[in-house]
């Protein structure tokens, strides 16, 4: 993998890797001419007040199922 320096142009490709009852995982590839970095992010849906995870809202879930 290559280093990325400030000011260099690069491209980010993102895709939905998976989703479950309360989370979704995104995989990203940062590249210039070659791959510079692989990124995995997990987004967990939670209730603000209770600070506990919740099921993915149906409107979001229906969009995820289309991907």
PDB file of N, CA and C in Angstrom:
ATOM      1  N   UNK A   1       0.842  -1.174   0.000  1.00  0.00           N
ATOM      2  CA  UNK A   1       0.000   0.000   0.000  1.00  0.00           C
ATOM      3  C   UNK A   1       0.892   1.244   0.000  1.00  0.00           C
ATOM      4  N   UNK A   2       0.358   2.315  -0.531  1.00  0.00           N
ATOM      5  CA  UNK A   2       1.124   3.541  -0.693  1.00  0.00           C
ATOM      6  C   UNK A   2       0.711   4.599   0.327  1.00  0.00           C
ATOM      7  N   UNK A   3       1.634   5.478   0.708  1.00  0.00           N
ATOM      8  CA  UNK A   3       1.259   6.591   1.597  1.00  0.00           C
ATOM      9  C   UNK A   3       0.451   7.630   0.829  1.00  0.00           C
ATOM     10  N   UNK A   4      -0.389   8.365   1.536  1.00  0.00           N
ATOM     11  CA  UNK A   4      -1.153   9.464   0.955  1.00  0.00           C
ATOM     12  C   UNK A   4      -0.674  10.742   1.631  1.00  0.00           C
ATOM     13  N   UNK A   5      -0.359  11.747   0.842  1.00  0.00           N
ATOM     14  CA  UNK A   5       0.145  13.009   1.368  1.00  0.00           C
ATOM     15  C   UNK A   5      -0.876  14.113   1.135  1.00  0.00           C
ATOM     16  N   UNK A   6      -0.883  15.107   2.000  1.00  0.00           N
ATOM     17  CA  UNK A   6      -1.795  16.241   1.878  1.00  0.00           C
ATOM     18  C   UNK A   6      -1.668  16.878   0.503  1.00  0.00           C
ATOM     19  N   UNK A   7      -2.812  17.168  -0.102  1.00  0.00           N
ATOM     20  CA  UNK A   7      -2.831  17.818  -1.398  1.00  0.00           C
ATOM     21  C   UNK A   7      -2.836  16.875  -2.585  1.00  0.00           C
ATOM     22  N   UNK A   8      -2.584  15.593  -2.354  1.00  0.00           N
ATOM     23  CA  UNK A   8      -2.604  14.635  -3.457  1.00  0.00           C
ATOM     24  C   UNK A   8      -4.041  14.238  -3.777  1.00  0.00           C
ATOM     25  N   UNK A   9      -4.331  14.135  -5.077  1.00  0.00           N
ATOM     26  CA  UNK A   9      -5.651  13.694  -5.490  1.00  0.00           C
ATOM     27  C   UNK A   9      -5.751  12.182  -5.320  1.00  0.00           C
ATOM     28  N   UNK A  10      -6.872  11.748  -4.772  1.00  0.00           N
ATOM     29  CA  UNK A  10      -7.102  10.316  -4.632  1.00  0.00           C
ATOM     30  C   UNK A  10      -8.597  10.048  -4.799  1.00  0.00           C
ATOM     31  N   UNK A  11      -8.951   8.804  -4.947  1.00  0.00           N
ATOM     32  CA  UNK A  11     -10.326   8.389  -5.175  1.00  0.00           C
ATOM     33  C   UNK A  11     -10.750   7.411  -4.090  1.00  0.00           C
ATOM     34  N   UNK A  12     -12.000   7.518  -3.689  1.00  0.00           N
ATOM     35  CA  UNK A  12     -12.542   6.650  -2.652  1.00  0.00           C
ATOM     36  C   UNK A  12     -13.713   5.872  -3.234  1.00  0.00           C
ATOM     37  N   UNK A  13     -13.620   4.560  -3.208  1.00  0.00           N
ATOM     38  CA  UNK A  13     -14.706   3.678  -3.633  1.00  0.00           C
ATOM     39  C   UNK A  13     -15.315   3.068  -2.385  1.00  0.00           C
ATOM     40  N   UNK A  14     -16.630   3.249  -2.213  1.00  0.00           N
ATOM     41  CA  UNK A  14     -17.319   2.720  -1.034  1.00  0.00           C
ATOM     42  C   UNK A  14     -18.404   1.746  -1.465  1.00  0.00           C
ATOM     43  N   UNK A  15     -18.611   0.722  -0.630  1.00  0.00           N
ATOM     44  CA  UNK A  15     -19.708  -0.199  -0.892  1.00  0.00           C
ATOM     45  C   UNK A  15     -20.239  -0.746   0.430  1.00  0.00           C
ATOM     46  N   UNK A  16     -21.487  -1.125   0.402  1.00  0.00           N
ATOM     47  CA  UNK A  16     -22.099  -1.757   1.554  1.00  0.00           C
ATOM     48  C   UNK A  16     -21.620  -3.196   1.599  1.00  0.00           C
ATOM     49  N   UNK A  17     -20.965  -3.572   2.677  1.00  0.00           N
ATOM     50  CA  UNK A  17     -20.436  -4.930   2.800  1.00  0.00           C
ATOM     51  C   UNK A  17     -21.479  -5.872   3.403  1.00  0.00           C
ATOM     52  N   UNK A  18     -22.184  -5.375   4.435  1.00  0.00           N
ATOM     53  CA  UNK A  18     -23.191  -6.206   5.082  1.00  0.00           C
ATOM     54  C   UNK A  18     -24.045  -5.345   6.002  1.00  0.00           C
ATOM     55  N   UNK A  19     -25.172  -5.920   6.424  1.00  0.00           N
ATOM     56  CA  UNK A  19     -25.982  -5.265   7.446  1.00  0.00           C
ATOM     57  C   UNK A  19     -26.692  -6.332   8.256  1.00  0.00           C
ATOM     58  N   UNK A  20     -27.006  -5.968   9.492  1.00  0.00           N
ATOM     59  CA  UNK A  20     -27.693  -6.891  10.400  1.00  0.00           C
ATOM     60  C   UNK A  20     -28.899  -6.163  10.980  1.00  0.00           C
ATOM     61  N   UNK A  21     -29.405  -6.653  12.063  1.00  0.00           N
ATOM     62  CA  UNK A  21     -30.578  -6.057  12.696  1.00  0.00           C
ATOM     63  C   UNK A  21     -30.342  -4.611  13.118  1.00  0.00           C
ATOM     64  N   UNK A  22     -29.154  -4.304  13.638  1.00  0.00           N
ATOM     65  CA  UNK A  22     -28.922  -2.968  14.193  1.00  0.00           C
ATOM     66  C   UNK A  22     -27.682  -2.257  13.659  1.00  0.00           C
ATOM     67  N   UNK A  23     -26.996  -2.840  12.679  1.00  0.00           N
ATOM     68  CA  UNK A  23     -25.779  -2.189  12.179  1.00  0.00           C
ATOM     69  C   UNK A  23     -25.580  -2.454  10.688  1.00  0.00           C
ATOM     70  N   UNK A  24     -24.721  -1.624  10.094  1.00  0.00           N
ATOM     71  CA  UNK A  24     -24.310  -1.848   8.715  1.00  0.00           C
ATOM     72  C   UNK A  24     -22.805  -1.626   8.625  1.00  0.00           C
ATOM     73  N   UNK A  25     -22.167  -2.381   7.757  1.00  0.00           N
ATOM     74  CA  UNK A  25     -20.720  -2.309   7.579  1.00  0.00           C
ATOM     75  C   UNK A  25     -20.418  -1.829   6.168  1.00  0.00           C
ATOM     76  N   UNK A  26     -19.582  -0.799   6.093  1.00  0.00           N
ATOM     77  CA  UNK A  26     -19.150  -0.240   4.819  1.00  0.00           C
ATOM     78  C   UNK A  26     -17.684  -0.604   4.594  1.00  0.00           C
ATOM     79  N   UNK A  27     -17.331  -0.926   3.359  1.00  0.00           N
ATOM     80  CA  UNK A  27     -15.943  -1.159   3.003  1.00  0.00           C
ATOM     81  C   UNK A  27     -15.546  -0.109   1.972  1.00  0.00           C
ATOM     82  N   UNK A  28     -14.390   0.492   2.167  1.00  0.00           N
ATOM     83  CA  UNK A  28     -13.910   1.544   1.287  1.00  0.00           C
ATOM     84  C   UNK A  28     -12.479   1.249   0.858  1.00  0.00           C
ATOM     85  N   UNK A  29     -12.158   1.694  -0.351  1.00  0.00           N
ATOM     86  CA  UNK A  29     -10.804   1.569  -0.872  1.00  0.00           C
ATOM     87  C   UNK A  29     -10.367   2.966  -1.310  1.00  0.00           C
ATOM     88  N   UNK A  30      -9.273   3.435  -0.736  1.00  0.00           N
ATOM     89  CA  UNK A  30      -8.684   4.720  -1.105  1.00  0.00           C
ATOM     90  C   UNK A  30      -7.538   4.422  -2.055  1.00  0.00           C
ATOM     91  N   UNK A  31      -7.585   5.044  -3.242  1.00  0.00           N
ATOM     92  CA  UNK A  31      -6.548   4.736  -4.221  1.00  0.00           C
ATOM     93  C   UNK A  31      -6.096   5.979  -4.966  1.00  0.00           C
ATOM     94  N   UNK A  32      -4.860   5.904  -5.423  1.00  0.00           N
ATOM     95  CA  UNK A  32      -4.334   6.865  -6.386  1.00  0.00           C
ATOM     96  C   UNK A  32      -4.160   6.024  -7.646  1.00  0.00           C
ATOM     97  N   UNK A  33      -2.949   5.730  -8.042  1.00  0.00           N
ATOM     98  CA  UNK A  33      -2.753   4.785  -9.151  1.00  0.00           C
ATOM     99  C   UNK A  33      -2.883   3.360  -8.635  1.00  0.00           C
ATOM    100  N   UNK A  34      -2.543   3.162  -7.377  1.00  0.00           N
ATOM    101  CA  UNK A  34      -2.649   1.863  -6.725  1.00  0.00           C
ATOM    102  C   UNK A  34      -3.424   2.051  -5.423  1.00  0.00           C
ATOM    103  N   UNK A  35      -3.771   0.944  -4.792  1.00  0.00           N
ATOM    104  CA  UNK A  35      -4.486   1.003  -3.518  1.00  0.00           C
ATOM    105  C   UNK A  35      -3.584   1.597  -2.450  1.00  0.00           C
ATOM    106  N   UNK A  36      -4.112   2.610  -1.753  1.00  0.00           N
ATOM    107  CA  UNK A  36      -3.367   3.259  -0.671  1.00  0.00           C
ATOM    108  C   UNK A  36      -3.846   2.775   0.695  1.00  0.00           C
ATOM    109  N   UNK A  37      -5.154   2.486   0.786  1.00  0.00           N
ATOM    110  CA  UNK A  37      -5.716   2.197   2.091  1.00  0.00           C
ATOM    111  C   UNK A  37      -7.023   1.427   1.944  1.00  0.00           C
ATOM    112  N   UNK A  38      -7.246   0.475   2.821  1.00  0.00           N
ATOM    113  CA  UNK A  38      -8.510  -0.240   2.918  1.00  0.00           C
ATOM    114  C   UNK A  38      -9.166   0.184   4.218  1.00  0.00           C
ATOM    115  N   UNK A  39     -10.456   0.522   4.161  1.00  0.00           N
ATOM    116  CA  UNK A  39     -11.152   1.048   5.331  1.00  0.00           C
ATOM    117  C   UNK A  39     -12.425   0.248   5.571  1.00  0.00           C
ATOM    118  N   UNK A  40     -12.672  -0.098   6.810  1.00  0.00           N
ATOM    119  CA  UNK A  40     -13.909  -0.774   7.190  1.00  0.00           C
ATOM    120  C   UNK A  40     -14.547   0.039   8.311  1.00  0.00           C
ATOM    121  N   UNK A  41     -15.811   0.437   8.122  1.00  0.00           N
ATOM    122  CA  UNK A  41     -16.521   1.170   9.165  1.00  0.00           C
ATOM    123  C   UNK A  41     -17.819   0.449   9.490  1.00  0.00           C
ATOM    124  N   UNK A  42     -18.123   0.380  10.766  1.00  0.00           N
ATOM    125  CA  UNK A  42     -19.360  -0.241  11.228  1.00  0.00           C
ATOM    126  C   UNK A  42     -20.204   0.860  11.857  1.00  0.00           C
ATOM    127  N   UNK A  43     -21.419   1.016  11.366  1.00  0.00           N
ATOM    128  CA  UNK A  43     -22.354   2.022  11.857  1.00  0.00           C
ATOM    129  C   UNK A  43     -23.456   1.310  12.628  1.00  0.00           C
ATOM    130  N   UNK A  44     -23.598   1.649  13.903  1.00  0.00           N
ATOM    131  CA  UNK A  44     -24.609   1.025  14.766  1.00  0.00           C
ATOM    132  C   UNK A  44     -25.707   2.047  15.028  1.00  0.00           C
ATOM    133  N   UNK A  45     -26.946   1.640  14.823  1.00  0.00           N
ATOM    134  CA  UNK A  45     -28.090   2.512  15.073  1.00  0.00           C
ATOM    135  C   UNK A  45     -28.423   2.435  16.555  1.00  0.00           C
ATOM    136  N   UNK A  46     -28.634   3.609  17.174  1.00  0.00           N
ATOM    137  CA  UNK A  46     -28.903   3.608  18.607  1.00  0.00           C
ATOM    138  C   UNK A  46     -29.949   4.651  18.980  1.00  0.00           C
ATOM    139  N   UNK A  47     -30.554   4.424  20.119  1.00  0.00           N
ATOM    140  CA  UNK A  47     -31.515   5.358  20.700  1.00  0.00           C
ATOM    141  C   UNK A  47     -30.717   6.433  21.428  1.00  0.00           C
ATOM    142  N   UNK A  48     -30.946   7.704  21.085  1.00  0.00           N
ATOM    143  CA  UNK A  48     -30.174   8.800  21.684  1.00  0.00           C
ATOM    144  C   UNK A  48     -30.307   8.845  23.199  1.00  0.00           C
ATOM    145  N   UNK A  49     -31.523   8.746  23.687  1.00  0.00           N
ATOM    146  CA  UNK A  49     -31.746   8.888  25.128  1.00  0.00           C
ATOM    147  C   UNK A  49     -31.239   7.690  25.915  1.00  0.00           C
ATOM    148  N   UNK A  50     -31.590   6.499  25.453  1.00  0.00           N
ATOM    149  CA  UNK A  50     -31.217   5.284  26.190  1.00  0.00           C
ATOM    150  C   UNK A  50     -29.772   4.862  25.939  1.00  0.00           C
ATOM    151  N   UNK A  51     -29.160   5.398  24.866  1.00  0.00           N
ATOM    152  CA  UNK A  51     -27.793   5.021  24.502  1.00  0.00           C
ATOM    153  C   UNK A  51     -27.651   3.504  24.322  1.00  0.00           C
ATOM    154  N   UNK A  52     -28.676   2.915  23.702  1.00  0.00           N
ATOM    155  CA  UNK A  52     -28.656   1.475  23.428  1.00  0.00           C
ATOM    156  C   UNK A  52     -28.955   1.262  21.954  1.00  0.00           C
ATOM    157  N   UNK A  53     -28.419   0.171  21.417  1.00  0.00           N
ATOM    158  CA  UNK A  53     -28.654  -0.089  20.003  1.00  0.00           C
ATOM    159  C   UNK A  53     -30.121  -0.420  19.757  1.00  0.00           C
ATOM    160  N   UNK A  54     -30.559  -0.075  18.541  1.00  0.00           N
ATOM    161  CA  UNK A  54     -31.935  -0.332  18.132  1.00  0.00           C
ATOM    162  C   UNK A  54     -31.904  -0.975  16.746  1.00  0.00           C
ATOM    163  N   UNK A  55     -33.033  -1.500  16.337  1.00  0.00           N
ATOM    164  CA  UNK A  55     -33.138  -2.057  14.993  1.00  0.00           C
ATOM    165  C   UNK A  55     -33.004  -0.928  13.971  1.00  0.00           C
ATOM    166  N   UNK A  56     -32.450  -1.259  12.825  1.00  0.00           N
ATOM    167  CA  UNK A  56     -32.343  -0.278  11.746  1.00  0.00           C
ATOM    168  C   UNK A  56     -33.764   0.148  11.362  1.00  0.00           C
ATOM    169  N   UNK A  57     -34.023   1.459  11.282  1.00  0.00           N
ATOM    170  CA  UNK A  57     -35.358   1.920  10.896  1.00  0.00           C
ATOM    171  C   UNK A  57     -35.779   1.338   9.540  1.00  0.00           C
ATOM    172  N   UNK A  58     -37.045   1.045   9.401  1.00  0.00           N
ATOM    173  CA  UNK A  58     -37.548   0.369   8.201  1.00  0.00           C
ATOM    174  C   UNK A  58     -37.250   1.136   6.917  1.00  0.00           C
ATOM    175  N   UNK A  59     -37.331   2.473   6.932  1.00  0.00           N
ATOM    176  CA  UNK A  59     -37.058   3.228   5.707  1.00  0.00           C
ATOM    177  C   UNK A  59     -35.585   3.105   5.292  1.00  0.00           C
ATOM    178  N   UNK A  60     -34.686   3.009   6.252  1.00  0.00           N
ATOM    179  CA  UNK A  60     -33.274   2.811   5.946  1.00  0.00           C
ATOM    180  C   UNK A  60     -33.045   1.370   5.494  1.00  0.00           C
ATOM    181  N   UNK A  61     -33.661   0.440   6.196  1.00  0.00           N
ATOM    182  CA  UNK A  61     -33.516  -0.978   5.880  1.00  0.00           C
ATOM    183  C   UNK A  61     -33.987  -1.286   4.456  1.00  0.00           C
ATOM    184  N   UNK A  62     -35.091  -0.687   4.051  1.00  0.00           N
ATOM    185  CA  UNK A  62     -35.594  -0.946   2.695  1.00  0.00           C
ATOM    186  C   UNK A  62     -34.603  -0.425   1.652  1.00  0.00           C
ATOM    187  N   UNK A  63     -33.939   0.679   1.929  1.00  0.00           N
ATOM    188  CA  UNK A  63     -32.921   1.194   1.009  1.00  0.00           C
ATOM    189  C   UNK A  63     -31.705   0.274   0.965  1.00  0.00           C
ATOM    190  N   UNK A  64     -31.303  -0.250   2.119  1.00  0.00           N
ATOM    191  CA  UNK A  64     -30.148  -1.162   2.170  1.00  0.00           C
ATOM    192  C   UNK A  64     -30.429  -2.448   1.387  1.00  0.00           C
ATOM    193  N   UNK A  65     -31.648  -2.915   1.434  1.00  0.00           N
ATOM    194  CA  UNK A  65     -31.998  -4.145   0.726  1.00  0.00           C
ATOM    195  C   UNK A  65     -31.930  -3.973  -0.783  1.00  0.00           C
ATOM    196  N   UNK A  66     -32.041  -2.752  -1.280  1.00  0.00           N
ATOM    197  CA  UNK A  66     -31.975  -2.480  -2.717  1.00  0.00           C
ATOM    198  C   UNK A  66     -30.553  -2.447  -3.251  1.00  0.00           C
ATOM    199  N   UNK A  67     -29.581  -2.288  -2.351  1.00  0.00           N
ATOM    200  CA  UNK A  67     -28.172  -2.158  -2.767  1.00  0.00           C
ATOM    201  C   UNK A  67     -27.607  -3.458  -3.112  1.00  0.00           C
TER     202      UNK A  67
END
